[in-house]
Structure formats: structure tokens, C-alpha cells
Amino acid sequence: MERTPFVLGANLQGGEKMVTYPFDMQRPPRATDETWARIQRQNEGALRETADENLFRWLAMTYAHSHLTMTENHRGSCHTDDVTGGQGIINRASWKPVVGSMNDFSYLHTNCFEISIFLGCDKFPHESELASEWENNREALLAFIEQVHRGIKGVVRDVDGNLLANATVSVEGIKHDVKTGYRLSVILGLRGLIHIEACCFTMKFSLLRDHISHFWGKISQFRLFSL
């Protein structure tokens, strides 16, 4: 993952029909980084939400609500009552915590936002059911993959046009910076003040809701100025 900087990922599982998002394991809060109000929302002071909670929920809902049957809760879930409240998504740490997941590793140590997709109650569907299962998931898979364009991407240069590596990208209000190579690709929420910094160079600009469509699928040139 260091050689190939993925920004979006999903693992496919069975036995349930829902989408889960990080954190997958409760993490102890750090009082210096988290507000008291946010800590209060966690059971026994354990941190379940990532700094990108809203974005993870958006990615999870994109899949669940594009799936043909995932949000149908009139029959409950596979084993118990519907724990997702009809939304088809849930924070994994608040449902069935798992230690050392790829989702948590990807979020904490790479630039990749990864979720878990539980495709259905039957882990081993019969051959005759595969066509219908594919139709249930086809549009949801495409809609999820399209979210890779939700953000900014391009090349980072200085004012003289020289490529800059190892730039740090920060979004105002989100305590989760990402690193880039010479190429920049970051999935973002709907808005925010973007700060890109590399070595002795910096750049700031505001990304508003209406700008998302402007950046969708486009490669941009980001020129950083000396500090």
C-alpha cells in the first residue's frame, strides 16, 4: 500500500446484510485531541468515531442505499432485529468490534478509506442465486467505486513547476492529515478549508459544496508558495 496509494477500498463478507465502517475497534480517547462532548458520546469513554465519521457514513450509505434490498428491514436482519435502523449501515465498533482490522489499519496508516460490505445472510449462496445476488449489488458497487472522484487529485508543484513529494494535506476541523507522493489524491466530504504543505511551501484554498462537481474526476495542478 506504500507503493500503490489507494484512497478507497472495501472488503466483501457474508453472514449479514449491511455495511460497516471504522473504527472497527473501540479506541481509548486522547483528551488533548478530542472534545469532551465527543468523548461523552462514547460508551465507557471508548472512541468509536473516526475524525472522518461523516465521510465514512456517506460512503457506507452510498452502497447500502444503492443496493436493491439492503435497506429493507420489514423482516429484520439475518439473525436478530435490524441493528441499523433501516439504514443498512453501522459503526463496526458499536456492533461487533474486531481487533486489528484492515479498515482501521488503512485509515490510521495510509490514505485509504475502507469499509466492510456484508453481502447477505447466506455465506455460500447456491449457484442458482448468484445472478440475482449480482443484480442486487451491481449498481451499489458502481456507485461506491464512483466515490473515488469525490475529492481533489492532481500534481503538487512549487511556483517554478518543480514536483514536490511528501506533501501533507489537512482539512480544517478534521484531525486526520494525509500524505501524498508527487501525485495528490484525497477523498473529501462536502466542504472545508484545504491546507497543502510540503517542505518550505504551502497552499490554502476553500472547497465549498458547489465545488465538488468542479473537481469530480479532474486532474488539477496544485502550486505551492514559499512560506
C-alpha atoms as a PDB file:
ATOM      1  CA  MET A   1       0.000   0.000   0.000  1.00  0.00           C
ATOM      2  CA  GLU A   2       3.033   2.264   0.243  1.00  0.00           C
ATOM      3  CA  ARG A   3       3.858   1.626  -3.422  1.00  0.00           C
ATOM      4  CA  THR A   4       0.241   1.968  -4.568  1.00  0.00           C
ATOM      5  CA  PRO A   5      -1.518   4.752  -2.616  1.00  0.00           C
ATOM      6  CA  PHE A   6      -5.119   3.567  -2.659  1.00  0.00           C
ATOM      7  CA  VAL A   7      -7.731   6.073  -1.466  1.00  0.00           C
ATOM      8  CA  LEU A   8     -10.876   3.904  -1.435  1.00  0.00           C
ATOM      9  CA  GLY A   9     -11.386   0.262  -0.543  1.00  0.00           C
ATOM     10  CA  ALA A  10     -13.921  -2.344   0.518  1.00  0.00           C
ATOM     11  CA  ASN A  11     -13.831  -5.953   1.652  1.00  0.00           C
ATOM     12  CA  LEU A  12     -16.741  -8.272   0.873  1.00  0.00           C
ATOM     13  CA  GLN A  13     -18.108 -10.620   3.533  1.00  0.00           C
ATOM     14  CA  GLY A  14     -21.201 -12.684   4.231  1.00  0.00           C
ATOM     15  CA  GLY A  15     -23.461 -13.729   7.068  1.00  0.00           C
ATOM     16  CA  GLU A  16     -25.193 -10.335   7.359  1.00  0.00           C
ATOM     17  CA  LYS A  17     -26.643  -7.756   5.005  1.00  0.00           C
ATOM     18  CA  MET A  18     -25.228  -4.346   5.906  1.00  0.00           C
ATOM     19  CA  VAL A  19     -22.217  -2.063   5.525  1.00  0.00           C
ATOM     20  CA  THR A  20     -19.897  -1.344   8.453  1.00  0.00           C
ATOM     21  CA  TYR A  21     -17.377   1.469   8.724  1.00  0.00           C
ATOM     22  CA  PRO A  22     -14.460   2.308  11.113  1.00  0.00           C
ATOM     23  CA  PHE A  23     -13.493   2.376  13.743  1.00  0.00           C
ATOM     24  CA  ASP A  24     -13.844  -1.407  13.904  1.00  0.00           C
ATOM     25  CA  MET A  25     -12.383  -1.476  17.409  1.00  0.00           C
ATOM     26  CA  GLN A  26     -13.003   0.901  20.286  1.00  0.00           C
ATOM     27  CA  ARG A  27     -10.014   3.138  20.873  1.00  0.00           C
ATOM     28  CA  PRO A  28      -9.155   4.996  24.098  1.00  0.00           C
ATOM     29  CA  PRO A  29      -9.774   8.735  23.642  1.00  0.00           C
ATOM     30  CA  ARG A  30      -6.994  11.279  23.994  1.00  0.00           C
ATOM     31  CA  ALA A  31      -8.214  14.270  25.937  1.00  0.00           C
ATOM     32  CA  THR A  32      -5.788  16.561  24.109  1.00  0.00           C
ATOM     33  CA  ASP A  33      -7.257  15.677  20.727  1.00  0.00           C
ATOM     34  CA  GLU A  34     -10.945  15.069  21.361  1.00  0.00           C
ATOM     35  CA  THR A  35     -13.550  17.428  22.715  1.00  0.00           C
ATOM     36  CA  TRP A  36     -15.321  16.461  25.906  1.00  0.00           C
ATOM     37  CA  ALA A  37     -18.706  16.437  24.142  1.00  0.00           C
ATOM     38  CA  ARG A  38     -17.452  13.859  21.650  1.00  0.00           C
ATOM     39  CA  ILE A  39     -15.945  11.703  24.386  1.00  0.00           C
ATOM     40  CA  GLN A  40     -19.244  11.769  26.247  1.00  0.00           C
ATOM     41  CA  ARG A  41     -20.956  10.123  23.289  1.00  0.00           C
ATOM     42  CA  GLN A  42     -18.768   7.030  23.592  1.00  0.00           C
ATOM     43  CA  ASN A  43     -19.636   4.113  25.858  1.00  0.00           C
ATOM     44  CA  GLU A  44     -17.255   3.890  28.807  1.00  0.00           C
ATOM     45  CA  GLY A  45     -15.102   6.637  27.287  1.00  0.00           C
ATOM     46  CA  ALA A  46     -14.041   4.478  24.331  1.00  0.00           C
ATOM     47  CA  LEU A  47     -13.661   6.221  20.973  1.00  0.00           C
ATOM     48  CA  ARG A  48     -15.651   4.667  18.146  1.00  0.00           C
ATOM     49  CA  GLU A  49     -15.906   7.529  15.666  1.00  0.00           C
ATOM     50  CA  THR A  50     -13.069   8.468  13.349  1.00  0.00           C
ATOM     51  CA  ALA A  51     -12.309  12.102  12.582  1.00  0.00           C
ATOM     52  CA  ASP A  52     -13.912  11.399   9.179  1.00  0.00           C
ATOM     53  CA  GLU A  53     -17.156   9.972  10.595  1.00  0.00           C
ATOM     54  CA  ASN A  54     -19.383  11.919   8.194  1.00  0.00           C
ATOM     55  CA  LEU A  55     -17.412  10.830   5.142  1.00  0.00           C
ATOM     56  CA  PHE A  56     -17.412   7.176   6.221  1.00  0.00           C
ATOM     57  CA  ARG A  57     -21.169   7.320   6.771  1.00  0.00           C
ATOM     58  CA  TRP A  58     -21.589   8.838   3.307  1.00  0.00           C
ATOM     59  CA  LEU A  59     -19.533   6.065   1.684  1.00  0.00           C
ATOM     60  CA  ALA A  60     -21.413   3.358   3.583  1.00  0.00           C
ATOM     61  CA  MET A  61     -24.815   4.841   2.757  1.00  0.00           C
ATOM     62  CA  THR A  62     -23.856   5.205  -0.898  1.00  0.00           C
ATOM     63  CA  TYR A  63     -23.513   1.439  -1.096  1.00  0.00           C
ATOM     64  CA  ALA A  64     -26.375   0.455   1.204  1.00  0.00           C
ATOM     65  CA  HIS A  65     -28.960   2.758  -0.403  1.00  0.00           C
ATOM     66  CA  SER A  66     -27.917   1.768  -3.933  1.00  0.00           C
ATOM     67  CA  HIS A  67     -28.296  -1.930  -3.060  1.00  0.00           C
ATOM     68  CA  LEU A  68     -31.670  -3.350  -4.096  1.00  0.00           C
ATOM     69  CA  THR A  69     -32.581  -4.949  -0.752  1.00  0.00           C
ATOM     70  CA  MET A  70     -30.103  -3.855   1.923  1.00  0.00           C
ATOM     71  CA  THR A  71     -32.336  -1.218   3.482  1.00  0.00           C
ATOM     72  CA  GLU A  72     -35.459  -3.397   3.542  1.00  0.00           C
ATOM     73  CA  ASN A  73     -35.901  -4.027   7.250  1.00  0.00           C
ATOM     74  CA  HIS A  74     -39.500  -5.270   7.416  1.00  0.00           C
ATOM     75  CA  ARG A  75     -38.186  -8.785   8.085  1.00  0.00           C
ATOM     76  CA  GLY A  76     -35.433  -7.724  10.466  1.00  0.00           C
ATOM     77  CA  SER A  77     -31.799  -8.603   9.862  1.00  0.00           C
ATOM     78  CA  CYS A  78     -30.304 -12.030   9.285  1.00  0.00           C
ATOM     79  CA  HIS A  79     -30.224 -13.154  12.921  1.00  0.00           C
ATOM     80  CA  THR A  80     -31.810 -10.525  15.166  1.00  0.00           C
ATOM     81  CA  ASP A  81     -33.690  -7.249  14.979  1.00  0.00           C
ATOM     82  CA  ASP A  82     -32.306  -4.762  12.467  1.00  0.00           C
ATOM     83  CA  VAL A  83     -29.405  -3.078  14.285  1.00  0.00           C
ATOM     84  CA  THR A  84     -29.032  -0.480  11.521  1.00  0.00           C
ATOM     85  CA  GLY A  85     -32.437   1.098  11.991  1.00  0.00           C
ATOM     86  CA  GLY A  86     -33.319   0.560   8.349  1.00  0.00           C
ATOM     87  CA  GLN A  87     -30.255   2.468   7.122  1.00  0.00           C
ATOM     88  CA  GLY A  88     -28.206  -0.616   6.249  1.00  0.00           C
ATOM     89  CA  ILE A  89     -25.064   0.821   7.858  1.00  0.00           C
ATOM     90  CA  ILE A  90     -23.476   0.708  11.303  1.00  0.00           C
ATOM     91  CA  ASN A  91     -20.231   1.609  13.026  1.00  0.00           C
ATOM     92  CA  ARG A  92     -18.407  -1.706  13.462  1.00  0.00           C
ATOM     93  CA  ALA A  93     -17.072  -0.921  16.936  1.00  0.00           C
ATOM     94  CA  SER A  94     -20.599  -0.305  18.205  1.00  0.00           C
ATOM     95  CA  TRP A  95     -21.849  -3.582  16.704  1.00  0.00           C
ATOM     96  CA  LYS A  96     -19.272  -6.389  16.815  1.00  0.00           C
ATOM     97  CA  PRO A  97     -15.786  -4.955  17.471  1.00  0.00           C
ATOM     98  CA  VAL A  98     -12.870  -6.664  15.771  1.00  0.00           C
ATOM     99  CA  VAL A  99      -9.218  -6.156  16.685  1.00  0.00           C
ATOM    100  CA  GLY A 100      -6.561  -5.340  14.091  1.00  0.00           C
ATOM    101  CA  SER A 101      -8.845  -4.911  11.102  1.00  0.00           C
ATOM    102  CA  MET A 102      -7.637  -3.828   7.692  1.00  0.00           C
ATOM    103  CA  ASN A 103     -10.168  -0.997   7.787  1.00  0.00           C
ATOM    104  CA  ASP A 104      -8.620   0.540  10.904  1.00  0.00           C
ATOM    105  CA  PHE A 105      -5.069  -0.020   9.632  1.00  0.00           C
ATOM    106  CA  SER A 106      -5.853   1.612   6.289  1.00  0.00           C
ATOM    107  CA  TYR A 107      -7.366   4.660   7.960  1.00  0.00           C
ATOM    108  CA  LEU A 108      -4.634   5.126  10.577  1.00  0.00           C
ATOM    109  CA  HIS A 109      -1.559   4.332   8.476  1.00  0.00           C
ATOM    110  CA  THR A 110      -2.474   5.042   4.838  1.00  0.00           C
ATOM    111  CA  ASN A 111      -4.674   7.428   2.851  1.00  0.00           C
ATOM    112  CA  CYS A 112      -7.278   4.728   2.164  1.00  0.00           C
ATOM    113  CA  PHE A 113     -10.883   4.842   3.377  1.00  0.00           C
ATOM    114  CA  GLU A 114     -12.008   1.215   3.610  1.00  0.00           C
ATOM    115  CA  ILE A 115     -15.354  -0.252   4.636  1.00  0.00           C
ATOM    116  CA  SER A 116     -16.766  -3.772   5.074  1.00  0.00           C
ATOM    117  CA  ILE A 117     -19.690  -4.870   2.916  1.00  0.00           C
ATOM    118  CA  PHE A 118     -21.757  -7.807   4.164  1.00  0.00           C
ATOM    119  CA  LEU A 119     -23.481  -9.079   1.035  1.00  0.00           C
ATOM    120  CA  GLY A 120     -26.151 -11.330   2.503  1.00  0.00           C
ATOM    121  CA  CYS A 121     -27.274 -13.747   5.180  1.00  0.00           C
ATOM    122  CA  ASP A 122     -26.021 -16.803   3.294  1.00  0.00           C
ATOM    123  CA  LYS A 123     -22.244 -17.028   3.153  1.00  0.00           C
ATOM    124  CA  PHE A 124     -22.406 -19.731   0.496  1.00  0.00           C
ATOM    125  CA  PRO A 125     -25.365 -18.982  -1.794  1.00  0.00           C
ATOM    126  CA  HIS A 126     -26.459 -21.632  -4.246  1.00  0.00           C
ATOM    127  CA  GLU A 127     -25.332 -21.351  -7.840  1.00  0.00           C
ATOM    128  CA  SER A 128     -28.898 -20.602  -8.881  1.00  0.00           C
ATOM    129  CA  GLU A 129     -28.923 -17.474  -6.674  1.00  0.00           C
ATOM    130  CA  LEU A 130     -25.729 -15.881  -7.979  1.00  0.00           C
ATOM    131  CA  ALA A 131     -27.378 -13.985 -10.848  1.00  0.00           C
ATOM    132  CA  SER A 132     -29.899 -12.308  -8.556  1.00  0.00           C
ATOM    133  CA  GLU A 133     -27.218 -11.546  -5.964  1.00  0.00           C
ATOM    134  CA  TRP A 134     -25.156  -9.858  -8.674  1.00  0.00           C
ATOM    135  CA  GLU A 135     -28.140  -7.719  -9.688  1.00  0.00           C
ATOM    136  CA  ASN A 136     -28.710  -6.776  -6.029  1.00  0.00           C
ATOM    137  CA  ASN A 137     -25.138  -5.498  -5.729  1.00  0.00           C
ATOM    138  CA  ARG A 138     -24.220  -4.312  -9.243  1.00  0.00           C
ATOM    139  CA  GLU A 139     -25.426  -0.705  -9.036  1.00  0.00           C
ATOM    140  CA  ALA A 140     -24.204  -0.386  -5.448  1.00  0.00           C
ATOM    141  CA  LEU A 141     -20.690  -1.465  -6.437  1.00  0.00           C
ATOM    142  CA  LEU A 142     -20.591   1.043  -9.292  1.00  0.00           C
ATOM    143  CA  ALA A 143     -21.924   3.871  -7.121  1.00  0.00           C
ATOM    144  CA  PHE A 144     -19.336   3.118  -4.447  1.00  0.00           C
ATOM    145  CA  ILE A 145     -16.443   2.993  -6.936  1.00  0.00           C
ATOM    146  CA  GLU A 146     -17.544   6.370  -8.346  1.00  0.00           C
ATOM    147  CA  GLN A 147     -16.908   7.954  -4.939  1.00  0.00           C
ATOM    148  CA  VAL A 148     -13.169   7.779  -5.661  1.00  0.00           C
ATOM    149  CA  HIS A 149     -13.761  11.026  -7.582  1.00  0.00           C
ATOM    150  CA  ARG A 150     -15.223  12.780  -4.523  1.00  0.00           C
ATOM    151  CA  GLY A 151     -12.303  14.988  -3.578  1.00  0.00           C
ATOM    152  CA  ILE A 152      -9.231  16.500  -5.147  1.00  0.00           C
ATOM    153  CA  LYS A 153      -6.496  14.914  -7.222  1.00  0.00           C
ATOM    154  CA  GLY A 154      -3.571  16.202  -9.191  1.00  0.00           C
ATOM    155  CA  VAL A 155       0.141  17.009  -9.023  1.00  0.00           C
ATOM    156  CA  VAL A 156       1.890  19.055  -6.353  1.00  0.00           C
ATOM    157  CA  ARG A 157       4.479  21.558  -7.627  1.00  0.00           C
ATOM    158  CA  ASP A 158       6.259  24.673  -6.376  1.00  0.00           C
ATOM    159  CA  VAL A 159       5.882  28.047  -8.108  1.00  0.00           C
ATOM    160  CA  ASP A 160       8.693  27.160 -10.508  1.00  0.00           C
ATOM    161  CA  GLY A 161       6.936  23.969 -11.634  1.00  0.00           C
ATOM    162  CA  ASN A 162       9.155  21.514  -9.760  1.00  0.00           C
ATOM    163  CA  LEU A 163       7.429  18.411  -8.405  1.00  0.00           C
ATOM    164  CA  LEU A 164       7.115  18.231  -4.603  1.00  0.00           C
ATOM    165  CA  ALA A 165       6.853  14.905  -2.782  1.00  0.00           C
ATOM    166  CA  ASN A 166       5.555  14.068   0.708  1.00  0.00           C
ATOM    167  CA  ALA A 167       3.054  16.904   0.893  1.00  0.00           C
ATOM    168  CA  THR A 168       0.723  16.981   3.891  1.00  0.00           C
ATOM    169  CA  VAL A 169      -2.947  17.668   3.198  1.00  0.00           C
ATOM    170  CA  SER A 170      -5.074  18.995   6.068  1.00  0.00           C
ATOM    171  CA  VAL A 171      -8.776  19.805   6.159  1.00  0.00           C
ATOM    172  CA  GLU A 172      -9.945  22.383   8.656  1.00  0.00           C
ATOM    173  CA  GLY A 173     -11.884  20.776  11.510  1.00  0.00           C
ATOM    174  CA  ILE A 174     -10.719  17.212  10.749  1.00  0.00           C
ATOM    175  CA  LYS A 175      -7.803  15.915  12.810  1.00  0.00           C
ATOM    176  CA  HIS A 176      -6.603  13.417  10.227  1.00  0.00           C
ATOM    177  CA  ASP A 177      -3.914  14.573   7.802  1.00  0.00           C
ATOM    178  CA  VAL A 178      -2.884  12.561   4.764  1.00  0.00           C
ATOM    179  CA  LYS A 179       0.455  12.324   2.966  1.00  0.00           C
ATOM    180  CA  THR A 180       0.958  12.401  -0.774  1.00  0.00           C
ATOM    181  CA  GLY A 181       3.638  11.392  -3.233  1.00  0.00           C
ATOM    182  CA  TYR A 182       4.220  13.577  -6.268  1.00  0.00           C
ATOM    183  CA  ARG A 183       0.581  12.915  -7.147  1.00  0.00           C
ATOM    184  CA  LEU A 184      -2.191  14.014  -4.819  1.00  0.00           C
ATOM    185  CA  SER A 185      -5.458  12.135  -4.429  1.00  0.00           C
ATOM    186  CA  VAL A 186      -7.672  12.769  -1.422  1.00  0.00           C
ATOM    187  CA  ILE A 187     -11.315  11.847  -0.873  1.00  0.00           C
ATOM    188  CA  LEU A 188     -13.157  14.658   0.882  1.00  0.00           C
ATOM    189  CA  GLY A 189     -16.516  15.432   2.401  1.00  0.00           C
ATOM    190  CA  LEU A 190     -18.708  18.255   1.170  1.00  0.00           C
ATOM    191  CA  ARG A 191     -16.692  21.272   2.205  1.00  0.00           C
ATOM    192  CA  GLY A 192     -13.663  22.548   4.107  1.00  0.00           C
ATOM    193  CA  LEU A 193     -10.582  24.760   4.104  1.00  0.00           C
ATOM    194  CA  ILE A 194      -7.822  22.707   2.463  1.00  0.00           C
ATOM    195  CA  HIS A 195      -4.195  23.224   3.511  1.00  0.00           C
ATOM    196  CA  ILE A 196      -1.408  21.590   1.490  1.00  0.00           C
ATOM    197  CA  GLU A 197       2.133  21.853   2.814  1.00  0.00           C
ATOM    198  CA  ALA A 198       5.441  20.361   1.662  1.00  0.00           C
ATOM    199  CA  CYS A 199       8.880  21.216   2.998  1.00  0.00           C
ATOM    200  CA  CYS A 200       9.026  25.020   2.899  1.00  0.00           C
ATOM    201  CA  PHE A 201       5.962  25.523   0.695  1.00  0.00           C
ATOM    202  CA  THR A 202       2.295  25.923   1.463  1.00  0.00           C
ATOM    203  CA  MET A 203      -1.106  26.448  -0.165  1.00  0.00           C
ATOM    204  CA  LYS A 204      -4.593  27.070   1.217  1.00  0.00           C
ATOM    205  CA  PHE A 205      -7.970  27.146  -0.502  1.00  0.00           C
ATOM    206  CA  SER A 206     -11.606  26.622   0.434  1.00  0.00           C
ATOM    207  CA  LEU A 207     -13.598  23.736  -1.014  1.00  0.00           C
ATOM    208  CA  LEU A 208     -17.319  24.500  -0.883  1.00  0.00           C
ATOM    209  CA  ARG A 209     -20.283  22.230  -1.577  1.00  0.00           C
ATOM    210  CA  ASP A 210     -20.723  23.588  -5.105  1.00  0.00           C
ATOM    211  CA  HIS A 211     -17.051  22.932  -5.920  1.00  0.00           C
ATOM    212  CA  ILE A 212     -17.346  19.138  -5.588  1.00  0.00           C
ATOM    213  CA  SER A 213     -18.733  18.788  -9.116  1.00  0.00           C
ATOM    214  CA  HIS A 214     -15.929  21.020 -10.446  1.00  0.00           C
ATOM    215  CA  PHE A 215     -13.231  18.688  -9.077  1.00  0.00           C
ATOM    216  CA  TRP A 216     -15.150  15.468  -9.877  1.00  0.00           C
ATOM    217  CA  GLY A 217     -12.866  13.249 -11.961  1.00  0.00           C
ATOM    218  CA  LYS A 218     -10.481  16.081 -12.879  1.00  0.00           C
ATOM    219  CA  ILE A 219      -6.700  16.266 -12.519  1.00  0.00           C
ATOM    220  CA  SER A 220      -5.535  19.599 -11.099  1.00  0.00           C
ATOM    221  CA  GLN A 221      -2.205  21.388 -10.739  1.00  0.00           C
ATOM    222  CA  PHE A 222      -1.506  22.476  -7.146  1.00  0.00           C
ATOM    223  CA  ARG A 223       1.254  25.093  -6.965  1.00  0.00           C
ATOM    224  CA  LEU A 224       2.657  25.722  -3.501  1.00  0.00           C
ATOM    225  CA  PHE A 225       4.240  29.012  -2.450  1.00  0.00           C
ATOM    226  CA  SER A 226       7.239  29.563  -0.188  1.00  0.00           C
ATOM    227  CA  LEU A 227       6.470  30.135   3.463  1.00  0.00           C
END
